[in-house]
N, C-alpha and C. Protein backbone atom coordinates (compact mmCIF):
# COMPACT_ATOMS: atom_id res chain seq x y z
N MET A 1 25.96 -21.44 17.83
CA MET A 1 25.75 -20.56 16.70
C MET A 1 26.44 -20.64 15.47
N LYS A 2 25.08 -21.06 14.07
CA LYS A 2 25.83 -21.27 12.97
C LYS A 2 26.40 -20.35 12.89
N ALA A 3 27.83 -19.95 11.50
CA ALA A 3 28.35 -18.70 11.58
C ALA A 3 27.21 -18.58 9.67
N ALA A 4 27.54 -17.06 9.98
CA ALA A 4 26.30 -16.04 8.60
C ALA A 4 26.93 -16.37 7.40
N SER A 5 27.91 -17.64 7.17
CA SER A 5 28.75 -17.81 6.21
C SER A 5 27.91 -18.75 5.41
N GLN A 6 26.82 -19.36 5.24
CA GLN A 6 25.54 -19.98 4.69
C GLN A 6 25.66 -18.98 3.57
N ARG A 7 25.15 -19.83 2.24
CA ARG A 7 25.08 -19.21 0.41
C ARG A 7 23.33 -18.52 1.05
N LEU A 8 23.02 -17.59 0.22
CA LEU A 8 21.69 -17.02 0.27
C LEU A 8 20.87 -18.03 -1.75
N HIS A 9 19.90 -18.06 -1.15
CA HIS A 9 19.06 -18.81 -2.08
C HIS A 9 19.21 -17.86 -3.63
N SER A 10 19.02 -18.43 -4.49
CA SER A 10 19.07 -18.03 -5.77
C SER A 10 18.38 -16.96 -5.90
N PHE A 11 18.34 -15.63 -6.80
CA PHE A 11 17.52 -14.46 -7.06
C PHE A 11 16.71 -15.24 -8.01
N ASP A 12 15.62 -14.52 -7.87
CA ASP A 12 14.97 -14.91 -9.07
C ASP A 12 14.95 -13.71 -9.76
N PRO A 13 15.38 -13.94 -11.22
CA PRO A 13 15.43 -12.58 -11.52
C PRO A 13 14.13 -12.45 -12.74
N THR A 14 12.83 -13.22 -12.94
CA THR A 14 11.78 -12.99 -13.29
C THR A 14 10.73 -11.81 -11.83
N GLN A 15 11.25 -11.23 -11.10
CA GLN A 15 10.95 -10.38 -9.67
C GLN A 15 11.78 -8.93 -10.27
N GLY A 16 12.41 -9.16 -11.12
CA GLY A 16 13.17 -7.82 -11.33
C GLY A 16 12.98 -6.23 -10.66
N SER A 17 11.87 -6.34 -11.19
CA SER A 17 11.14 -5.37 -11.09
C SER A 17 11.08 -4.27 -9.50
N TRP A 18 10.53 -5.47 -8.58
CA TRP A 18 10.57 -5.32 -7.28
C TRP A 18 11.96 -4.81 -6.89
N ALA A 19 12.67 -5.69 -7.70
CA ALA A 19 14.25 -5.23 -7.21
C ALA A 19 14.34 -4.05 -7.48
N ARG A 20 14.18 -3.19 -8.60
CA ARG A 20 14.39 -1.85 -9.00
C ARG A 20 13.90 -1.32 -7.99
N VAL A 21 12.72 -1.46 -7.83
CA VAL A 21 11.35 -0.72 -6.51
C VAL A 21 12.13 -0.37 -5.60
N PHE A 22 12.60 -1.52 -4.87
CA PHE A 22 13.59 -1.11 -3.54
C PHE A 22 14.85 -0.68 -3.93
N ARG A 23 15.43 -1.25 -4.96
CA ARG A 23 16.63 0.08 -4.99
C ARG A 23 16.81 1.43 -4.98
N VAL A 24 15.22 2.17 -5.71
CA VAL A 24 15.10 3.68 -6.01
C VAL A 24 14.60 3.80 -4.56
N PHE A 25 13.42 2.96 -4.10
CA PHE A 25 13.10 3.36 -2.55
C PHE A 25 14.09 3.62 -2.09
N PHE A 26 14.54 3.45 -1.32
CA PHE A 26 16.31 3.55 -0.85
C PHE A 26 17.06 4.50 -1.09
N ALA A 27 17.23 4.22 -2.36
CA ALA A 27 18.40 5.76 -2.82
C ALA A 27 17.67 6.78 -2.29
N LEU A 28 16.02 7.20 -2.30
CA LEU A 28 15.49 8.64 -1.53
C LEU A 28 15.59 8.02 -0.73
N VAL A 29 15.76 7.68 0.54
CA VAL A 29 15.46 7.27 1.60
C VAL A 29 16.56 8.59 2.06
N PRO A 30 16.30 9.75 2.76
CA PRO A 30 17.24 9.95 3.47
C PRO A 30 18.20 10.01 4.29
N THR A 31 19.23 9.01 4.50
CA THR A 31 19.78 8.84 5.29
C THR A 31 20.58 9.94 6.57
N PRO A 32 21.24 10.55 6.07
CA PRO A 32 21.54 11.61 6.98
C PRO A 32 20.69 11.99 7.89
N ALA A 33 19.45 12.94 7.52
CA ALA A 33 18.30 12.58 8.41
C ALA A 33 17.66 12.35 9.16
N VAL A 34 17.79 10.77 8.75
CA VAL A 34 16.73 9.53 9.72
C VAL A 34 17.77 9.51 10.84
N ARG A 35 19.04 9.61 10.43
CA ARG A 35 20.23 9.23 11.63
C ARG A 35 19.87 10.45 12.44
N ALA A 36 19.71 12.17 11.81
CA ALA A 36 19.99 12.90 13.40
C ALA A 36 18.44 13.05 14.04
N MET A 37 17.81 11.63 13.81
CA MET A 37 15.90 12.03 13.88
C MET A 37 16.00 10.88 14.84
N ARG A 38 17.35 10.09 14.35
CA ARG A 38 16.62 9.39 15.65
C ARG A 38 17.85 8.96 16.09
N LYS A 39 18.59 10.27 16.65
CA LYS A 39 19.85 10.57 17.26
C LYS A 39 18.61 11.41 18.76
N ALA A 40 17.84 12.40 18.17
CA ALA A 40 16.75 12.99 18.96
C ALA A 40 15.77 12.32 20.07
N VAL A 41 14.86 11.39 18.66
CA VAL A 41 13.73 11.07 19.40
C VAL A 41 13.86 9.25 18.76
N PRO A 42 12.85 8.23 19.50
CA PRO A 42 13.02 7.23 19.19
C PRO A 42 11.92 7.14 17.53
N ILE A 43 11.91 6.18 16.50
CA ILE A 43 11.51 7.01 15.83
C ILE A 43 11.70 5.06 15.31
N GLY A 44 10.72 4.61 15.89
CA GLY A 44 10.28 2.76 16.08
C GLY A 44 11.39 2.28 16.09
N PRO A 45 11.90 0.73 15.68
CA PRO A 45 12.42 0.37 15.49
C PRO A 45 14.16 -0.01 14.64
N ILE A 46 13.83 1.28 14.27
CA ILE A 46 14.82 1.18 13.39
C ILE A 46 16.67 1.96 14.35
N GLU A 47 17.58 0.90 13.79
CA GLU A 47 18.93 1.09 14.97
C GLU A 47 19.81 1.16 13.79
N GLU A 48 20.79 1.66 14.02
CA GLU A 48 22.61 1.06 13.29
C GLU A 48 23.11 -0.02 13.41
N LEU A 49 23.56 -0.63 12.50
CA LEU A 49 24.41 -1.98 12.68
C LEU A 49 25.15 -1.87 11.72
N VAL A 50 26.56 -1.92 12.58
CA VAL A 50 27.77 -1.45 12.45
C VAL A 50 28.41 -2.88 11.83
N ILE A 51 28.45 -2.94 10.72
CA ILE A 51 29.61 -4.42 10.31
C ILE A 51 31.19 -3.70 9.64
N LEU A 52 31.59 -4.63 9.49
CA LEU A 52 33.22 -4.73 9.10
C LEU A 52 32.83 -4.61 7.17
N GLY A 53 33.60 -4.13 6.46
CA GLY A 53 33.15 -4.19 5.05
C GLY A 53 34.06 -4.94 4.71
N ARG A 54 33.92 -5.68 3.46
CA ARG A 54 34.72 -7.31 3.51
C ARG A 54 35.54 -6.77 1.88
N ARG A 55 35.96 -5.57 1.76
CA ARG A 55 36.91 -4.96 0.65
C ARG A 55 37.47 -4.05 1.57
N SER A 56 36.81 -3.02 2.14
CA SER A 56 38.07 -1.71 2.63
C SER A 56 38.15 -2.48 4.40
N GLY A 57 37.51 -3.45 4.91
CA GLY A 57 38.15 -3.69 6.18
C GLY A 57 37.63 -3.04 7.41
N HIS A 58 37.11 -1.65 6.76
CA HIS A 58 36.22 -0.69 7.59
C HIS A 58 35.41 -0.51 8.36
N ASP A 59 34.73 -0.10 9.50
CA ASP A 59 33.17 -0.49 9.88
C ASP A 59 32.69 0.79 8.71
N ARG A 60 31.30 -0.03 8.75
CA ARG A 60 30.29 0.47 7.64
C ARG A 60 28.65 0.71 8.43
N GLY A 61 28.20 1.20 9.20
CA GLY A 61 26.78 1.96 9.35
C GLY A 61 25.94 1.73 8.39
N VAL A 62 25.21 1.15 8.53
CA VAL A 62 23.78 1.22 7.96
C VAL A 62 22.60 1.15 8.96
N LEU A 63 21.63 1.77 8.57
CA LEU A 63 20.40 2.11 9.22
C LEU A 63 19.88 0.73 9.13
N VAL A 64 18.87 0.06 10.37
CA VAL A 64 18.04 -0.69 9.61
C VAL A 64 16.92 -0.78 10.49
N VAL A 65 15.82 -1.92 10.14
CA VAL A 65 14.50 -1.77 11.23
C VAL A 65 14.87 -3.24 11.91
N LEU A 66 15.31 -3.03 13.08
CA LEU A 66 15.67 -4.32 13.77
C LEU A 66 14.65 -4.80 14.88
N ALA A 67 13.42 -5.68 14.14
CA ALA A 67 12.64 -5.99 14.61
C ALA A 67 12.89 -7.44 15.98
N GLN A 68 12.44 -6.74 17.03
CA GLN A 68 12.03 -7.89 17.70
C GLN A 68 11.35 -9.05 17.99
N VAL A 69 11.08 -10.25 18.33
CA VAL A 69 10.35 -10.89 17.87
C VAL A 69 11.34 -12.00 19.13
N GLY A 70 10.13 -12.08 20.24
CA GLY A 70 10.21 -13.08 21.26
C GLY A 70 11.84 -12.41 21.89
N GLY A 71 12.97 -12.88 22.77
CA GLY A 71 14.04 -12.42 23.00
C GLY A 71 15.16 -12.55 21.95
N PHE A 72 15.27 -12.22 20.50
CA PHE A 72 14.95 -12.68 19.44
C PHE A 72 14.70 -10.95 18.94
N TRP A 73 16.40 -10.77 17.85
CA TRP A 73 16.81 -9.89 16.69
C TRP A 73 16.87 -10.44 15.07
N TYR A 74 16.12 -9.82 14.67
CA TYR A 74 16.14 -9.71 13.14
C TYR A 74 16.33 -8.76 12.27
N VAL A 75 16.82 -8.78 11.46
CA VAL A 75 16.86 -7.58 10.62
C VAL A 75 16.79 -8.35 8.65
N GLY A 76 17.36 -7.89 8.10
CA GLY A 76 16.96 -7.97 7.37
C GLY A 76 16.21 -6.80 5.64
N HIS A 77 17.13 -7.93 4.76
CA HIS A 77 16.85 -7.11 2.93
C HIS A 77 15.73 -7.28 2.26
N PRO A 78 15.22 -6.86 1.54
CA PRO A 78 14.29 -7.29 0.63
C PRO A 78 15.38 -7.56 -0.67
N ASN A 79 16.30 -6.97 -1.48
CA ASN A 79 16.90 -7.20 -2.34
C ASN A 79 18.28 -8.47 -1.73
N GLY A 80 18.26 -8.63 -0.67
CA GLY A 80 18.80 -9.91 -0.77
C GLY A 80 20.36 -9.33 -0.88
N ASP A 81 20.90 -10.19 -1.16
CA ASP A 81 22.21 -10.11 -1.89
C ASP A 81 23.08 -9.35 -2.28
N ARG A 82 22.05 -7.93 -3.13
CA ARG A 82 21.84 -7.10 -4.05
C ARG A 82 22.49 -5.61 -2.66
N ALA A 83 21.92 -5.89 -1.91
CA ALA A 83 22.68 -4.64 -0.93
C ALA A 83 23.92 -4.95 -0.53
N ASN A 84 24.81 -4.37 -0.37
CA ASN A 84 26.79 -4.58 -0.05
C ASN A 84 26.23 -4.97 1.50
N TRP A 85 24.94 -4.10 2.23
CA TRP A 85 25.63 -4.68 3.50
C TRP A 85 25.56 -6.04 4.18
N VAL A 86 24.51 -6.48 3.54
CA VAL A 86 23.98 -8.45 3.43
C VAL A 86 24.97 -8.51 2.93
N LEU A 87 26.17 -8.55 1.98
CA LEU A 87 27.25 -9.17 1.54
C LEU A 87 28.46 -9.12 2.81
N ASN A 88 28.36 -7.80 3.28
CA ASN A 88 29.01 -7.19 4.75
C ASN A 88 28.95 -8.38 5.65
N LEU A 89 27.83 -8.68 5.64
CA LEU A 89 27.53 -9.52 7.13
C LEU A 89 27.57 -11.14 7.03
N ILE A 90 27.67 -11.40 5.41
CA ILE A 90 27.48 -12.42 5.20
C ILE A 90 29.14 -12.82 5.91
N ALA A 91 30.62 -12.11 4.88
CA ALA A 91 31.65 -12.08 5.83
C ALA A 91 31.65 -12.03 6.14
N ALA A 92 31.13 -10.83 7.22
CA ALA A 92 32.14 -10.74 8.78
C ALA A 92 31.10 -11.62 9.83
N GLY A 93 30.29 -12.16 9.79
CA GLY A 93 29.65 -12.82 10.61
C GLY A 93 29.41 -12.21 11.95
N ARG A 94 29.74 -11.19 11.99
CA ARG A 94 29.60 -10.48 12.87
C ARG A 94 29.02 -9.01 12.95
N ALA A 95 28.41 -8.11 14.43
CA ALA A 95 28.31 -6.86 13.88
C ALA A 95 27.75 -6.45 15.22
N THR A 96 27.94 -4.85 15.17
CA THR A 96 27.23 -4.56 16.52
C THR A 96 25.92 -3.65 16.24
N VAL A 97 25.46 -3.46 17.43
CA VAL A 97 23.88 -2.89 17.13
C VAL A 97 23.98 -2.47 18.09
N ILE A 98 23.95 -0.79 16.99
CA ILE A 98 23.96 0.58 18.11
C ILE A 98 22.51 0.64 18.47
N THR A 99 21.69 1.21 19.87
CA THR A 99 20.75 1.42 20.09
C THR A 99 20.68 2.58 20.97
N ARG A 100 19.93 3.55 21.30
CA ARG A 100 20.10 4.29 22.61
C ARG A 100 20.43 4.03 23.78
N ALA A 101 20.37 2.42 24.00
CA ALA A 101 20.50 1.93 25.12
C ALA A 101 22.57 1.52 25.11
N GLY A 102 22.77 1.93 24.01
CA GLY A 102 24.56 1.39 23.65
C GLY A 102 24.67 0.51 22.44
N ALA A 103 25.91 -0.41 23.15
CA ALA A 103 26.46 -0.91 21.58
C ALA A 103 26.06 -2.56 22.04
N THR A 104 26.03 -3.08 21.45
CA THR A 104 25.75 -4.37 21.77
C THR A 104 26.40 -5.32 20.48
N PRO A 105 27.19 -6.30 20.81
CA PRO A 105 28.37 -7.07 19.87
C PRO A 105 27.43 -8.38 19.26
N VAL A 106 27.34 -9.02 18.29
CA VAL A 106 26.41 -9.77 18.09
C VAL A 106 27.19 -10.40 16.52
N GLY A 107 26.67 -12.08 16.80
CA GLY A 107 26.83 -12.39 15.64
C GLY A 107 25.50 -12.86 14.40
N ALA A 108 25.83 -12.93 13.54
CA ALA A 108 24.57 -13.26 12.75
C ALA A 108 24.97 -14.82 11.87
N VAL A 109 23.33 -14.91 11.62
CA VAL A 109 23.15 -16.16 11.35
C VAL A 109 22.04 -16.24 10.43
N LEU A 110 22.51 -16.19 9.17
CA LEU A 110 21.60 -16.61 7.72
C LEU A 110 20.41 -17.05 8.48
N LEU A 111 18.99 -16.49 7.81
CA LEU A 111 18.28 -17.55 8.23
C LEU A 111 17.99 -18.49 6.61
N ALA A 112 17.72 -19.37 6.63
CA ALA A 112 17.78 -20.57 5.51
C ALA A 112 15.66 -20.68 5.18
N PRO A 113 15.27 -20.84 4.96
CA PRO A 113 13.17 -21.01 4.04
C PRO A 113 13.43 -22.01 5.15
N GLY A 114 12.34 -21.53 6.20
CA GLY A 114 11.54 -22.34 6.85
C GLY A 114 11.44 -20.95 7.85
N GLU A 115 10.46 -22.08 8.45
CA GLU A 115 9.29 -21.02 9.53
C GLU A 115 9.69 -20.04 10.16
N GLU A 116 11.37 -19.91 10.40
CA GLU A 116 12.01 -19.01 10.98
C GLU A 116 11.98 -17.58 10.37
N ARG A 117 12.52 -17.61 9.62
CA ARG A 117 12.78 -17.06 7.87
C ARG A 117 11.03 -16.56 7.57
N ASN A 118 9.57 -17.21 7.80
CA ASN A 118 8.73 -17.14 7.57
C ASN A 118 8.23 -15.66 8.65
N ILE A 119 8.44 -15.88 9.82
CA ILE A 119 8.62 -15.67 10.80
C ILE A 119 8.98 -13.80 10.66
N ALA A 120 9.94 -14.12 10.77
CA ALA A 120 11.50 -12.33 10.42
C ALA A 120 10.66 -12.23 9.82
N ILE A 121 10.10 -12.45 8.52
CA ILE A 121 9.85 -11.44 7.25
C ILE A 121 8.71 -11.27 7.98
N ARG A 122 7.79 -11.48 8.33
CA ARG A 122 6.26 -11.29 8.71
C ARG A 122 5.99 -10.03 9.59
N GLU A 123 7.71 -10.57 10.70
CA GLU A 123 7.56 -9.32 11.92
C GLU A 123 8.34 -8.31 11.65
N HIS A 124 9.41 -8.05 10.27
CA HIS A 124 10.32 -6.63 10.05
C HIS A 124 8.80 -6.04 8.97
N THR A 125 8.37 -7.08 8.30
CA THR A 125 7.00 -6.27 7.73
C THR A 125 6.07 -5.42 8.21
N SER A 126 5.73 -5.96 9.82
CA SER A 126 4.59 -5.47 10.30
C SER A 126 5.43 -4.30 11.31
N GLN A 127 6.61 -4.48 11.48
CA GLN A 127 7.66 -3.49 12.52
C GLN A 127 7.68 -1.81 11.48
N GLN A 128 7.75 -2.07 9.86
CA GLN A 128 7.83 -0.50 9.39
C GLN A 128 6.71 -0.09 9.89
N LYS A 129 7.14 0.97 10.24
CA LYS A 129 6.51 2.09 11.00
C LYS A 129 5.87 3.19 9.79
N ALA A 130 6.47 3.38 9.16
CA ALA A 130 5.87 4.01 7.95
C ALA A 130 5.19 3.73 6.92
N LEU A 131 4.10 4.32 7.12
CA LEU A 131 3.10 3.75 6.16
C LEU A 131 3.55 3.38 5.01
N PRO A 132 4.58 4.24 3.57
CA PRO A 132 4.52 3.96 2.30
C PRO A 132 5.28 2.54 2.73
N THR A 133 6.36 3.04 3.82
CA THR A 133 6.72 1.37 3.64
C THR A 133 6.65 0.48 3.95
N ARG A 134 5.55 -0.05 4.84
CA ARG A 134 4.92 -0.74 5.36
C ARG A 134 3.77 -1.46 4.26
N LEU A 135 3.30 -0.29 3.44
CA LEU A 135 2.37 -0.90 2.48
C LEU A 135 3.56 -1.85 1.17
N LEU A 136 4.68 -0.86 1.01
CA LEU A 136 5.79 -1.64 -0.10
C LEU A 136 5.52 -2.60 0.38
N TYR A 137 6.75 -3.04 1.59
CA TYR A 137 6.82 -4.50 1.89
C TYR A 137 5.78 -5.43 2.12
N ARG A 138 4.14 -5.18 2.05
CA ARG A 138 3.47 -6.00 2.32
C ARG A 138 2.97 -6.27 0.94
N ALA A 139 2.92 -5.51 -0.35
CA ALA A 139 2.62 -5.35 -1.60
C ALA A 139 4.14 -6.41 -2.53
N ALA A 140 5.33 -6.45 -2.03
CA ALA A 140 6.06 -6.65 -2.42
C ALA A 140 6.81 -8.03 -1.58
N ARG A 141 5.66 -8.97 -0.76
CA ARG A 141 5.79 -10.28 0.06
C ARG A 141 6.26 -11.37 -0.60
N THR A 142 5.32 -11.61 -1.77
CA THR A 142 6.51 -12.92 -2.73
C THR A 142 7.66 -12.95 -3.24
N TYR A 143 7.84 -11.35 -2.95
CA TYR A 143 8.94 -11.67 -3.98
C TYR A 143 10.67 -11.02 -2.53
N ILE A 144 10.39 -10.43 -1.80
CA ILE A 144 10.66 -10.10 -0.08
C ILE A 144 10.99 -11.70 0.54
N THR A 145 9.89 -13.20 0.06
CA THR A 145 10.45 -14.04 0.74
C THR A 145 11.02 -14.93 -0.56
N SER A 146 11.29 -14.38 -2.03
CA SER A 146 11.96 -15.07 -2.23
C SER A 146 13.13 -14.37 -2.31
N ALA A 147 13.61 -13.15 -3.09
CA ALA A 147 15.22 -12.63 -2.60
C ALA A 147 15.31 -12.23 -1.31
N GLY A 148 15.07 -12.40 -0.61
CA GLY A 148 15.69 -11.10 0.76
C GLY A 148 15.94 -12.16 1.40
N ALA A 149 17.17 -11.32 1.96
CA ALA A 149 17.97 -12.10 3.25
C ALA A 149 17.51 -11.70 4.76
N PHE A 150 17.46 -12.48 4.95
CA PHE A 150 17.43 -12.07 6.94
C PHE A 150 18.03 -12.72 7.57
N PHE A 151 18.31 -12.15 8.92
CA PHE A 151 18.97 -12.79 9.46
C PHE A 151 18.89 -12.13 11.17
N ARG A 152 19.11 -13.31 12.69
CA ARG A 152 18.71 -13.65 13.21
C ARG A 152 20.63 -13.38 13.97
N LEU A 153 20.03 -12.16 14.83
CA LEU A 153 21.36 -11.57 15.55
C LEU A 153 21.59 -11.87 17.19
N GLU A 154 22.39 -12.64 17.35
CA GLU A 154 22.19 -13.09 18.65
C GLU A 154 23.94 -12.64 19.66
N PRO A 155 23.35 -11.67 21.29
CA PRO A 155 25.08 -11.75 21.41
C PRO A 155 25.62 -12.43 21.54
N LEU A 156 26.77 -11.45 21.69
CA LEU A 156 27.52 -12.04 21.46
C LEU A 156 28.60 -11.90 22.97
N THR A 157 29.42 -12.66 24.33
CA THR A 157 29.01 -13.16 25.33
C THR A 157 30.23 -11.35 25.44
N VAL A 158 31.37 -10.63 26.14
CA VAL A 158 31.86 -10.10 26.45
C VAL A 158 33.62 -10.50 27.19
N LYS A 159 34.64 -10.39 27.40
CA LYS A 159 35.63 -11.30 27.98
C LYS A 159 35.69 -10.36 29.18
N GLY A 160 35.59 -11.65 30.12
CA GLY A 160 35.38 -11.24 31.46
C GLY A 160 33.92 -11.48 31.92
N ASP A 161 33.21 -11.90 30.92
CA ASP A 161 31.90 -11.73 31.41
C ASP A 161 31.25 -13.37 30.65
N PRO A 162 32.22 -14.29 31.18
CA PRO A 162 31.60 -15.74 30.82
C PRO A 162 30.29 -15.51 30.63
N ASP A 163 29.14 -15.54 31.44
CA ASP A 163 28.00 -15.72 31.13
C ASP A 163 26.90 -15.35 30.57
N GLY A 164 27.83 -13.89 30.16
CA GLY A 164 26.79 -12.95 28.89
C GLY A 164 26.18 -12.03 29.48
N MET A 165 26.34 -12.30 31.07
CA MET A 165 25.33 -10.95 31.26
C MET A 165 25.22 -9.73 31.15
N ALA A 166 25.80 -9.45 30.70
CA ALA A 166 26.85 -7.72 29.98
C ALA A 166 25.55 -7.15 29.08
N VAL A 167 25.79 -8.50 28.39
CA VAL A 167 25.77 -8.37 26.95
C VAL A 167 23.79 -8.44 27.57
N ALA A 168 23.53 -9.40 28.12
CA ALA A 168 21.62 -10.02 28.53
C ALA A 168 21.88 -8.76 28.40
N ALA A 169 22.28 -7.93 29.44
CA ALA A 169 21.48 -6.57 30.16
C ALA A 169 21.09 -5.77 28.83
N SER A 170 22.22 -5.16 28.22
CA SER A 170 22.41 -4.35 27.05
C SER A 170 21.07 -4.31 26.53
N VAL A 171 20.80 -6.04 26.15
CA VAL A 171 19.51 -6.40 25.45
C VAL A 171 18.87 -6.05 25.82
N ALA A 172 18.20 -6.42 27.13
CA ALA A 172 16.86 -5.89 27.79
C ALA A 172 17.11 -4.62 27.76
N ARG A 173 17.76 -3.58 27.94
CA ARG A 173 17.55 -2.14 28.24
C ARG A 173 16.83 -1.64 26.81
N SER A 174 17.73 -2.05 25.65
CA SER A 174 17.33 -1.72 24.82
C SER A 174 16.08 -1.92 24.10
N ARG A 175 15.16 -2.49 25.11
CA ARG A 175 13.71 -2.47 24.19
C ARG A 175 13.22 -2.95 25.55
């Protein structure tokens, strides 16, 4: 597994209006309400990603769409390195995915432009359950492709579990 310490591709300033749209959109999302609803009922592929803060050293939780493609998990943000959790994940290189089935420690691989990243973006967009979000992501596809940061999350093995069977079982149960 390659570390997520790779650099993001450069942001295209000509696409700045989409950056503002997403910044406002995410600011309006009622995160505490979504977090509470998520605990009560399954609301699509929204899961919590806990990442070590690059400056504070404290765990930071963020709700993300956890897109599953085959046996892989993908997460991303349309504004790329303008999102603090993206910078934290790049710095840490690992996180914990919290699902209804439990917690799974994962390594994060920042995807470079190419086929896998394109698949991750397409699936991330198609797995958006809320209609306004899905439409927004589809309309901004060119921007997301140029500025977004997407990661493949790979389960890490647990100490005392050299074959990774405990982690593999938790991943299988979560979907």
